[in-house]
PDB file of N, CA and C in Angstrom:
ATOM      1  N   MET A   1     145.817  48.336 137.396  1.00  0.00           N
ATOM      2  CA  MET A   1     144.722  48.033 136.476  1.00  0.00           C
ATOM      3  C   MET A   1     145.082  48.433 134.919  1.00  0.00           C
ATOM      4  N   PRO A   2     145.267  47.843 133.967  1.00  0.00           N
ATOM      5  CA  PRO A   2     145.353  48.518 132.675  1.00  0.00           C
ATOM      6  C   PRO A   2     144.134  49.486 132.173  1.00  0.00           C
ATOM      7  N   ASN A   3     144.515  50.162 131.156  1.00  0.00           N
ATOM      8  CA  ASN A   3     143.566  51.148 130.937  1.00  0.00           C
ATOM      9  C   ASN A   3     142.370  50.345 130.136  1.00  0.00           C
ATOM     10  N   ALA A   4     142.593  49.375 129.463  1.00  0.00           N
ATOM     11  CA  ALA A   4     141.453  48.781 128.803  1.00  0.00           C
ATOM     12  C   ALA A   4     140.282  48.024 129.881  1.00  0.00           C
ATOM     13  N   VAL A   5     141.103  47.650 130.974  1.00  0.00           N
ATOM     14  CA  VAL A   5     140.150  47.014 132.030  1.00  0.00           C
ATOM     15  C   VAL A   5     139.336  48.110 132.432  1.00  0.00           C
ATOM     16  N   TYR A   6     139.762  49.439 132.665  1.00  0.00           N
ATOM     17  CA  TYR A   6     138.960  50.546 133.075  1.00  0.00           C
ATOM     18  C   TYR A   6     137.938  50.746 131.982  1.00  0.00           C
ATOM     19  N   ALA A   7     138.210  50.978 130.451  1.00  0.00           N
ATOM     20  CA  ALA A   7     137.194  51.162 129.567  1.00  0.00           C
ATOM     21  C   ALA A   7     136.105  50.101 129.626  1.00  0.00           C
ATOM     22  N   ALA A   8     136.517  48.941 129.882  1.00  0.00           N
ATOM     23  CA  ALA A   8     135.628  47.663 129.557  1.00  0.00           C
ATOM     24  C   ALA A   8     134.575  47.732 130.798  1.00  0.00           C
ATOM     25  N   LEU A   9     135.030  48.293 131.945  1.00  0.00           N
ATOM     26  CA  LEU A   9     134.055  48.632 133.271  1.00  0.00           C
ATOM     27  C   LEU A   9     133.112  49.850 132.949  1.00  0.00           C
ATOM     28  N   ALA A  10     133.923  50.895 132.128  1.00  0.00           N
ATOM     29  CA  ALA A  10     133.116  52.143 132.041  1.00  0.00           C
ATOM     30  C   ALA A  10     132.199  52.326 131.226  1.00  0.00           C
ATOM     31  N   TYR A  11     132.373  51.532 129.842  1.00  0.00           N
ATOM     32  CA  TYR A  11     131.420  51.441 128.843  1.00  0.00           C
ATOM     33  C   TYR A  11     129.991  51.188 129.271  1.00  0.00           C
ATOM     34  N   PRO A  12     129.812  50.083 129.936  1.00  0.00           N
ATOM     35  CA  PRO A  12     128.401  49.516 130.524  1.00  0.00           C
ATOM     36  C   PRO A  12     127.888  50.745 131.192  1.00  0.00           C
ATOM     37  N   LEU A  13     128.502  51.127 131.921  1.00  0.00           N
ATOM     38  CA  LEU A  13     127.816  52.219 133.086  1.00  0.00           C
ATOM     39  C   LEU A  13     127.718  53.483 132.080  1.00  0.00           C
ATOM     40  N   LEU A  14     128.377  53.881 131.399  1.00  0.00           N
ATOM     41  CA  LEU A  14     128.078  54.959 130.508  1.00  0.00           C
ATOM     42  C   LEU A  14     126.961  54.737 129.560  1.00  0.00           C
ATOM     43  N   LEU A  15     126.873  53.360 129.194  1.00  0.00           N
ATOM     44  CA  LEU A  15     125.775  53.071 128.228  1.00  0.00           C
ATOM     45  C   LEU A  15     124.505  53.364 128.934  1.00  0.00           C
ATOM     46  N   LEU A  16     124.414  52.840 130.209  1.00  0.00           N
ATOM     47  CA  LEU A  16     123.339  52.887 131.024  1.00  0.00           C
ATOM     48  C   LEU A  16     122.734  54.318 131.170  1.00  0.00           C
ATOM     49  N   VAL A  17     123.747  55.123 131.291  1.00  0.00           N
ATOM     50  CA  VAL A  17     123.642  56.755 131.535  1.00  0.00           C
ATOM     51  C   VAL A  17     122.963  57.334 130.211  1.00  0.00           C
ATOM     52  N   PHE A  18     123.583  56.892 129.120  1.00  0.00           N
ATOM     53  CA  PHE A  18     123.025  57.345 127.823  1.00  0.00           C
ATOM     54  C   PHE A  18     121.865  56.909 127.538  1.00  0.00           C
ATOM     55  N   LEU A  19     121.601  55.612 127.983  1.00  0.00           N
ATOM     56  CA  LEU A  19     120.127  55.109 127.562  1.00  0.00           C
ATOM     57  C   LEU A  19     119.096  55.553 128.433  1.00  0.00           C
ATOM     58  N   LEU A  20     119.586  55.945 129.369  1.00  0.00           N
ATOM     59  CA  LEU A  20     118.314  56.540 130.474  1.00  0.00           C
ATOM     60  C   LEU A  20     118.109  58.191 129.731  1.00  0.00           C
ATOM     61  N   PHE A  21     119.133  58.852 129.475  1.00  0.00           N
ATOM     62  CA  PHE A  21     118.928  59.925 128.615  1.00  0.00           C
ATOM     63  C   PHE A  21     118.259  60.179 127.566  1.00  0.00           C
ATOM     64  N   ASP A  22     118.260  59.019 126.493  1.00  0.00           N
ATOM     65  CA  ASP A  22     117.549  58.851 125.237  1.00  0.00           C
ATOM     66  C   ASP A  22     116.234  58.632 125.749  1.00  0.00           C
ATOM     67  N   ALA A  23     115.909  57.752 126.854  1.00  0.00           N
ATOM     68  CA  ALA A  23     114.722  57.601 127.233  1.00  0.00           C
ATOM     69  C   ALA A  23     113.860  58.686 127.550  1.00  0.00           C
ATOM     70  N   LEU A  24     114.687  59.638 128.377  1.00  0.00           N
ATOM     71  CA  LEU A  24     114.044  60.895 128.631  1.00  0.00           C
ATOM     72  C   LEU A  24     114.127  61.860 127.572  1.00  0.00           C
ATOM     73  N   ILE A  25     114.679  61.939 126.603  1.00  0.00           N
ATOM     74  CA  ILE A  25     114.540  62.863 125.422  1.00  0.00           C
ATOM     75  C   ILE A  25     113.432  62.081 124.642  1.00  0.00           C
ATOM     76  N   TRP A  26     113.126  60.900 124.562  1.00  0.00           N
ATOM     77  CA  TRP A  26     112.006  60.124 124.024  1.00  0.00           C
ATOM     78  C   TRP A  26     110.728  60.432 124.366  1.00  0.00           C
ATOM     79  N   ALA A  27     110.861  60.399 125.894  1.00  0.00           N
ATOM     80  CA  ALA A  27     109.440  60.755 126.365  1.00  0.00           C
ATOM     81  C   ALA A  27     109.067  62.187 126.198  1.00  0.00           C
ATOM     82  N   HIS A  28     109.952  62.856 126.376  1.00  0.00           N
ATOM     83  CA  HIS A  28     109.720  64.493 126.296  1.00  0.00           C
ATOM     84  C   HIS A  28     109.382  65.056 124.889  1.00  0.00           C
ATOM     85  N   TRP A  29     110.248  64.475 123.653  1.00  0.00           N
ATOM     86  CA  TRP A  29     110.068  65.188 122.525  1.00  0.00           C
ATOM     87  C   TRP A  29     109.599  64.314 121.521  1.00  0.00           C
ATOM     88  N   VAL A  30     109.351  62.880 121.853  1.00  0.00           N
ATOM     89  CA  VAL A  30     108.903  62.160 120.905  1.00  0.00           C
ATOM     90  C   VAL A  30     107.734  61.494 120.954  1.00  0.00           C
ATOM     91  N   SER A  31     107.581  60.706 122.216  1.00  0.00           N
ATOM     92  CA  SER A  31     106.267  60.027 122.602  1.00  0.00           C
ATOM     93  C   SER A  31     105.157  61.192 122.561  1.00  0.00           C
ATOM     94  N   GLY A  32     104.109  60.934 121.994  1.00  0.00           N
ATOM     95  CA  GLY A  32     102.988  61.903 122.279  1.00  0.00           C
ATOM     96  C   GLY A  32     103.010  63.060 121.075  1.00  0.00           C
ATOM     97  N   LYS A  33     104.258  63.187 120.421  1.00  0.00           N
ATOM     98  CA  LYS A  33     104.588  64.591 119.652  1.00  0.00           C
ATOM     99  C   LYS A  33     104.532  63.608 118.267  1.00  0.00           C
ATOM    100  N   LEU A  34     105.216  62.699 117.997  1.00  0.00           N
ATOM    101  CA  LEU A  34     105.218  61.798 116.697  1.00  0.00           C
ATOM    102  C   LEU A  34     104.497  60.588 116.603  1.00  0.00           C
ATOM    103  N   TYR A  35     103.882  60.187 117.784  1.00  0.00           N
ATOM    104  CA  TYR A  35     102.995  58.890 117.552  1.00  0.00           C
ATOM    105  C   TYR A  35     102.146  59.161 119.044  1.00  0.00           C
ATOM    106  N   ILE A  36     101.051  58.401 119.242  1.00  0.00           N
ATOM    107  CA  ILE A  36      99.957  58.583 120.250  1.00  0.00           C
ATOM    108  C   ILE A  36     100.173  56.968 120.643  1.00  0.00           C
ATOM    109  N   CYS A  37     100.457  56.555 121.913  1.00  0.00           N
ATOM    110  CA  CYS A  37     100.561  55.376 122.427  1.00  0.00           C
ATOM    111  C   CYS A  37      99.461  55.449 123.488  1.00  0.00           C
ATOM    112  N   THR A  38      98.308  54.714 123.557  1.00  0.00           N
ATOM    113  CA  THR A  38      97.278  54.824 124.899  1.00  0.00           C
ATOM    114  C   THR A  38      97.526  53.914 125.990  1.00  0.00           C
ATOM    115  N   ASP A  39      98.822  53.062 125.773  1.00  0.00           N
ATOM    116  CA  ASP A  39      98.990  52.152 126.866  1.00  0.00           C
ATOM    117  C   ASP A  39      99.106  53.004 128.477  1.00  0.00           C
ATOM    118  N   PRO A  40      98.460  52.620 129.301  1.00  0.00           N
ATOM    119  CA  PRO A  40      98.950  53.551 130.524  1.00  0.00           C
ATOM    120  C   PRO A  40     100.142  52.885 131.467  1.00  0.00           C
ATOM    121  N   PHE A  41     101.294  53.320 130.734  1.00  0.00           N
ATOM    122  CA  PHE A  41     102.700  52.799 131.363  1.00  0.00           C
ATOM    123  C   PHE A  41     103.621  53.984 131.523  1.00  0.00           C
ATOM    124  N   ILE A  42     104.556  54.077 132.232  1.00  0.00           N
ATOM    125  CA  ILE A  42     105.308  55.024 132.659  1.00  0.00           C
ATOM    126  C   ILE A  42     106.049  55.671 131.436  1.00  0.00           C
ATOM    127  N   ASP A  43     105.879  56.707 130.931  1.00  0.00           N
ATOM    128  CA  ASP A  43     106.508  57.584 129.909  1.00  0.00           C
ATOM    129  C   ASP A  43     107.971  57.040 129.427  1.00  0.00           C
ATOM    130  N   ILE A  44     108.794  56.950 130.436  1.00  0.00           N
ATOM    131  CA  ILE A  44     109.910  56.845 130.140  1.00  0.00           C
ATOM    132  C   ILE A  44     110.131  55.401 129.395  1.00  0.00           C
ATOM    133  N   PHE A  45     109.332  54.365 129.478  1.00  0.00           N
ATOM    134  CA  PHE A  45     109.467  53.216 128.796  1.00  0.00           C
ATOM    135  C   PHE A  45     108.852  53.344 127.584  1.00  0.00           C
ATOM    136  N   ASP A  46     108.398  54.382 127.174  1.00  0.00           N
ATOM    137  CA  ASP A  46     107.825  54.276 125.627  1.00  0.00           C
ATOM    138  C   ASP A  46     108.800  54.168 124.652  1.00  0.00           C
ATOM    139  N   ILE A  47     109.976  54.588 125.047  1.00  0.00           N
ATOM    140  CA  ILE A  47     111.289  54.059 123.994  1.00  0.00           C
ATOM    141  C   ILE A  47     111.385  52.915 123.599  1.00  0.00           C
ATOM    142  N   ILE A  48     110.490  51.918 124.291  1.00  0.00           N
ATOM    143  CA  ILE A  48     110.721  50.283 123.833  1.00  0.00           C
ATOM    144  C   ILE A  48     109.774  50.081 122.894  1.00  0.00           C
ATOM    145  N   PRO A  49     110.175  49.522 121.562  1.00  0.00           N
ATOM    146  CA  PRO A  49     109.181  49.388 120.572  1.00  0.00           C
ATOM    147  C   PRO A  49     108.534  48.145 120.944  1.00  0.00           C
ATOM    148  N   PRO A  50     107.327  48.068 120.266  1.00  0.00           N
ATOM    149  CA  PRO A  50     106.793  48.567 119.313  1.00  0.00           C
ATOM    150  C   PRO A  50     106.020  49.856 119.904  1.00  0.00           C
ATOM    151  N   PHE A  51     105.782  51.092 119.026  1.00  0.00           N
ATOM    152  CA  PHE A  51     105.396  52.238 119.277  1.00  0.00           C
ATOM    153  C   PHE A  51     104.103  52.697 119.236  1.00  0.00           C
ATOM    154  N   VAL A  52     103.411  51.849 118.406  1.00  0.00           N
ATOM    155  CA  VAL A  52     101.941  51.828 118.070  1.00  0.00           C
ATOM    156  C   VAL A  52     101.598  50.374 118.023  1.00  0.00           C
ATOM    157  N   HIS A  53     100.659  50.127 118.842  1.00  0.00           N
ATOM    158  CA  HIS A  53     100.052  48.522 118.922  1.00  0.00           C
ATOM    159  C   HIS A  53      98.835  48.667 118.267  1.00  0.00           C
ATOM    160  N   PRO A  54      98.458  47.649 117.250  1.00  0.00           N
ATOM    161  CA  PRO A  54      97.219  47.522 116.361  1.00  0.00           C
ATOM    162  C   PRO A  54      96.022  47.322 117.296  1.00  0.00           C
ATOM    163  N   GLY A  55      95.364  47.891 116.916  1.00  0.00           N
ATOM    164  CA  GLY A  55      93.676  47.552 117.470  1.00  0.00           C
ATOM    165  C   GLY A  55      93.539  48.188 118.901  1.00  0.00           C
ATOM    166  N   THR A  56      94.403  49.217 119.317  1.00  0.00           N
ATOM    167  CA  THR A  56      94.255  49.753 120.484  1.00  0.00           C
ATOM    168  C   THR A  56      93.881  51.387 120.526  1.00  0.00           C
ATOM    169  N   GLY A  57      93.874  51.841 119.489  1.00  0.00           N
ATOM    170  CA  GLY A  57      93.817  53.311 119.277  1.00  0.00           C
ATOM    171  C   GLY A  57      95.119  54.103 119.145  1.00  0.00           C
ATOM    172  N   ASP A  58      96.262  53.449 119.168  1.00  0.00           N
ATOM    173  CA  ASP A  58      97.444  54.228 119.010  1.00  0.00           C
ATOM    174  C   ASP A  58      97.458  54.574 117.507  1.00  0.00           C
ATOM    175  N   VAL A  59      98.318  55.452 117.182  1.00  0.00           N
ATOM    176  CA  VAL A  59      98.351  56.154 115.975  1.00  0.00           C
ATOM    177  C   VAL A  59      99.519  56.962 115.644  1.00  0.00           C
ATOM    178  N   TYR A  60     100.321  56.878 114.433  1.00  0.00           N
ATOM    179  CA  TYR A  60     101.365  57.617 114.317  1.00  0.00           C
ATOM    180  C   TYR A  60     100.676  58.837 113.705  1.00  0.00           C
ATOM    181  N   LEU A  61     101.475  59.889 114.171  1.00  0.00           N
ATOM    182  CA  LEU A  61     101.077  61.217 113.782  1.00  0.00           C
ATOM    183  C   LEU A  61     101.945  61.561 112.445  1.00  0.00           C
ATOM    184  N   VAL A  62     103.155  61.141 112.217  1.00  0.00           N
ATOM    185  CA  VAL A  62     103.951  61.339 111.203  1.00  0.00           C
ATOM    186  C   VAL A  62     104.411  60.002 110.734  1.00  0.00           C
ATOM    187  N   PRO A  63     104.739  59.940 109.481  1.00  0.00           N
ATOM    188  CA  PRO A  63     105.203  58.642 108.948  1.00  0.00           C
ATOM    189  C   PRO A  63     105.864  57.805 109.847  1.00  0.00           C
ATOM    190  N   ALA A  64     105.773  56.204 109.846  1.00  0.00           N
ATOM    191  CA  ALA A  64     106.223  55.524 110.733  1.00  0.00           C
ATOM    192  C   ALA A  64     107.623  55.539 110.626  1.00  0.00           C
ATOM    193  N   TRP A  65     108.076  55.580 109.459  1.00  0.00           N
ATOM    194  CA  TRP A  65     109.851  55.501 109.111  1.00  0.00           C
ATOM    195  C   TRP A  65     110.388  56.648 109.925  1.00  0.00           C
ATOM    196  N   ARG A  66     109.646  57.660 110.097  1.00  0.00           N
ATOM    197  CA  ARG A  66     110.322  58.759 110.658  1.00  0.00           C
ATOM    198  C   ARG A  66     110.678  58.674 112.416  1.00  0.00           C
ATOM    199  N   VAL A  67     109.357  57.968 112.815  1.00  0.00           N
ATOM    200  CA  VAL A  67     109.579  57.504 114.255  1.00  0.00           C
ATOM    201  C   VAL A  67     110.949  56.460 114.367  1.00  0.00           C
ATOM    202  N   TRP A  68     110.678  55.428 113.575  1.00  0.00           N
ATOM    203  CA  TRP A  68     111.789  54.592 113.678  1.00  0.00           C
ATOM    204  C   TRP A  68     113.300  55.103 113.333  1.00  0.00           C
ATOM    205  N   PHE A  69     113.144  56.015 112.361  1.00  0.00           N
ATOM    206  CA  PHE A  69     114.369  56.902 111.998  1.00  0.00           C
ATOM    207  C   PHE A  69     115.002  57.612 113.370  1.00  0.00           C
ATOM    208  N   VAL A  70     114.280  58.297 114.363  1.00  0.00           N
ATOM    209  CA  VAL A  70     114.591  58.995 115.376  1.00  0.00           C
ATOM    210  C   VAL A  70     114.956  57.759 116.616  1.00  0.00           C
ATOM    211  N   TRP A  71     114.182  56.815 116.448  1.00  0.00           N
ATOM    212  CA  TRP A  71     114.770  55.941 117.563  1.00  0.00           C
ATOM    213  C   TRP A  71     116.114  55.204 117.157  1.00  0.00           C
ATOM    214  N   TRP A  72     116.296  55.007 116.004  1.00  0.00           N
ATOM    215  CA  TRP A  72     117.598  54.325 115.848  1.00  0.00           C
ATOM    216  C   TRP A  72     118.692  55.393 115.744  1.00  0.00           C
ATOM    217  N   CYS A  73     118.369  56.779 115.550  1.00  0.00           N
ATOM    218  CA  CYS A  73     119.591  57.780 115.739  1.00  0.00           C
ATOM    219  C   CYS A  73     119.859  57.678 117.246  1.00  0.00           C
ATOM    220  N   LEU A  74     119.086  57.790 117.981  1.00  0.00           N
ATOM    221  CA  LEU A  74     118.934  57.717 119.460  1.00  0.00           C
ATOM    222  C   LEU A  74     119.766  56.642 119.725  1.00  0.00           C
ATOM    223  N   MET A  75     119.577  55.342 119.505  1.00  0.00           N
ATOM    224  CA  MET A  75     120.270  53.973 119.778  1.00  0.00           C
ATOM    225  C   MET A  75     121.529  54.113 119.451  1.00  0.00           C
ATOM    226  N   ALA A  76     121.921  54.561 118.166  1.00  0.00           N
ATOM    227  CA  ALA A  76     123.071  54.660 117.590  1.00  0.00           C
ATOM    228  C   ALA A  76     123.925  55.648 118.577  1.00  0.00           C
ATOM    229  N   ALA A  77     123.634  56.837 118.786  1.00  0.00           N
ATOM    230  CA  ALA A  77     124.045  57.660 119.877  1.00  0.00           C
ATOM    231  C   ALA A  77     124.283  57.405 121.055  1.00  0.00           C
ATOM    232  N   ALA A  78     123.464  56.599 121.826  1.00  0.00           N
ATOM    233  CA  ALA A  78     123.694  55.848 123.180  1.00  0.00           C
ATOM    234  C   ALA A  78     124.724  54.832 122.926  1.00  0.00           C
ATOM    235  N   LEU A  79     125.098  54.066 121.821  1.00  0.00           N
ATOM    236  CA  LEU A  79     126.178  53.064 121.663  1.00  0.00           C
ATOM    237  C   LEU A  79     127.411  53.828 121.486  1.00  0.00           C
ATOM    238  N   ALA A  80     127.395  54.601 120.848  1.00  0.00           N
ATOM    239  CA  ALA A  80     128.425  55.407 120.310  1.00  0.00           C
ATOM    240  C   ALA A  80     129.034  56.442 121.077  1.00  0.00           C
ATOM    241  N   LEU A  81     128.297  57.205 121.771  1.00  0.00           N
ATOM    242  CA  LEU A  81     128.867  58.224 122.783  1.00  0.00           C
ATOM    243  C   LEU A  81     129.893  57.735 124.053  1.00  0.00           C
ATOM    244  N   PRO A  82     129.225  56.700 124.498  1.00  0.00           N
ATOM    245  CA  PRO A  82     130.313  56.114 125.530  1.00  0.00           C
ATOM    246  C   PRO A  82     131.523  55.755 125.070  1.00  0.00           C
ATOM    247  N   ALA A  83     131.443  55.120 123.861  1.00  0.00           N
ATOM    248  CA  ALA A  83     132.803  54.808 123.455  1.00  0.00           C
ATOM    249  C   ALA A  83     133.726  55.954 122.984  1.00  0.00           C
ATOM    250  N   LEU A  84     133.090  57.043 122.439  1.00  0.00           N
ATOM    251  CA  LEU A  84     133.857  58.242 122.200  1.00  0.00           C
ATOM    252  C   LEU A  84     134.301  58.891 123.342  1.00  0.00           C
ATOM    253  N   ALA A  85     133.585  58.964 124.517  1.00  0.00           N
ATOM    254  CA  ALA A  85     133.826  59.492 125.793  1.00  0.00           C
ATOM    255  C   ALA A  85     135.135  58.355 126.245  1.00  0.00           C
ATOM    256  N   ILE A  86     135.217  57.654 126.173  1.00  0.00           N
ATOM    257  CA  ILE A  86     136.151  56.665 126.706  1.00  0.00           C
ATOM    258  C   ILE A  86     137.538  56.805 126.080  1.00  0.00           C
ATOM    259  N   TRP A  87     137.321  56.704 124.441  1.00  0.00           N
ATOM    260  CA  TRP A  87     138.446  57.020 123.505  1.00  0.00           C
ATOM    261  C   TRP A  87     139.078  58.507 123.935  1.00  0.00           C
ATOM    262  N   LEU A  88     138.311  59.542 124.067  1.00  0.00           N
ATOM    263  CA  LEU A  88     138.893  60.937 124.281  1.00  0.00           C
ATOM    264  C   LEU A  88     139.609  60.793 125.670  1.00  0.00           C
ATOM    265  N   VAL A  89     139.180  60.194 126.893  1.00  0.00           N
ATOM    266  CA  VAL A  89     139.733  60.152 127.660  1.00  0.00           C
ATOM    267  C   VAL A  89     141.141  59.433 127.955  1.00  0.00           C
ATOM    268  N   TRP A  90     141.069  58.433 127.076  1.00  0.00           N
ATOM    269  CA  TRP A  90     142.197  57.626 126.733  1.00  0.00           C
ATOM    270  C   TRP A  90     143.233  58.292 126.146  1.00  0.00           C
ATOM    271  N   ARG A  91     142.589  58.796 125.181  1.00  0.00           N
ATOM    272  CA  ARG A  91     143.784  59.838 124.190  1.00  0.00           C
ATOM    273  C   ARG A  91     144.379  60.751 124.882  1.00  0.00           C
ATOM    274  N   ARG A  92     143.474  61.302 125.664  1.00  0.00           N
ATOM    275  CA  ARG A  92     144.274  62.564 126.728  1.00  0.00           C
ATOM    276  C   ARG A  92     145.060  62.095 127.789  1.00  0.00           C
ATOM    277  N   GLU A  93     145.046  60.897 128.050  1.00  0.00           N
ATOM    278  CA  GLU A  93     145.782  60.206 129.344  1.00  0.00           C
ATOM    279  C   GLU A  93     147.155  59.908 128.431  1.00  0.00           C
ATOM    280  N   ALA A  94     146.962  59.545 127.301  1.00  0.00           N
ATOM    281  CA  ALA A  94     148.267  58.971 126.409  1.00  0.00           C
ATOM    282  C   ALA A  94     149.112  60.243 126.011  1.00  0.00           C
ATOM    283  N   ASN A  95     148.388  61.301 125.675  1.00  0.00           N
ATOM    284  CA  ASN A  95     149.199  62.612 125.338  1.00  0.00           C
ATOM    285  C   ASN A  95     149.930  63.339 126.696  1.00  0.00           C
ATOM    286  N   ASP A  96     149.038  63.085 127.889  1.00  0.00           N
ATOM    287  CA  ASP A  96     149.712  63.662 128.941  1.00  0.00           C
ATOM    288  C   ASP A  96     150.959  62.779 129.481  1.00  0.00           C
ATOM    289  N   ALA A  97     151.116  61.668 129.102  1.00  0.00           N
ATOM    290  CA  ALA A  97     152.282  60.530 129.885  1.00  0.00           C
ATOM    291  C   ALA A  97     153.566  60.928 128.965  1.00  0.00           C
TER     292      ALA A  97
END
């Protein structure tokens, strides 16, 4: 199989791993620290917007833009890091050949 096929198969798998890692980071360092969400749901799913629901007692503890900025940074990392990992492996194999 060509390397491009391996990369196409590896990217979605790595993406899931990085999204799970982001969700764990969010649950541990963002949810409950930068905003309070009173929904009784599993903490790992707090990464799914909206973070504060009107009329439920939810509140931002920092400006809302800061929460969204952290979220966008984590999502960008989750999308870029698998591609970077695949590119590094691909480049290493090309240098070894």
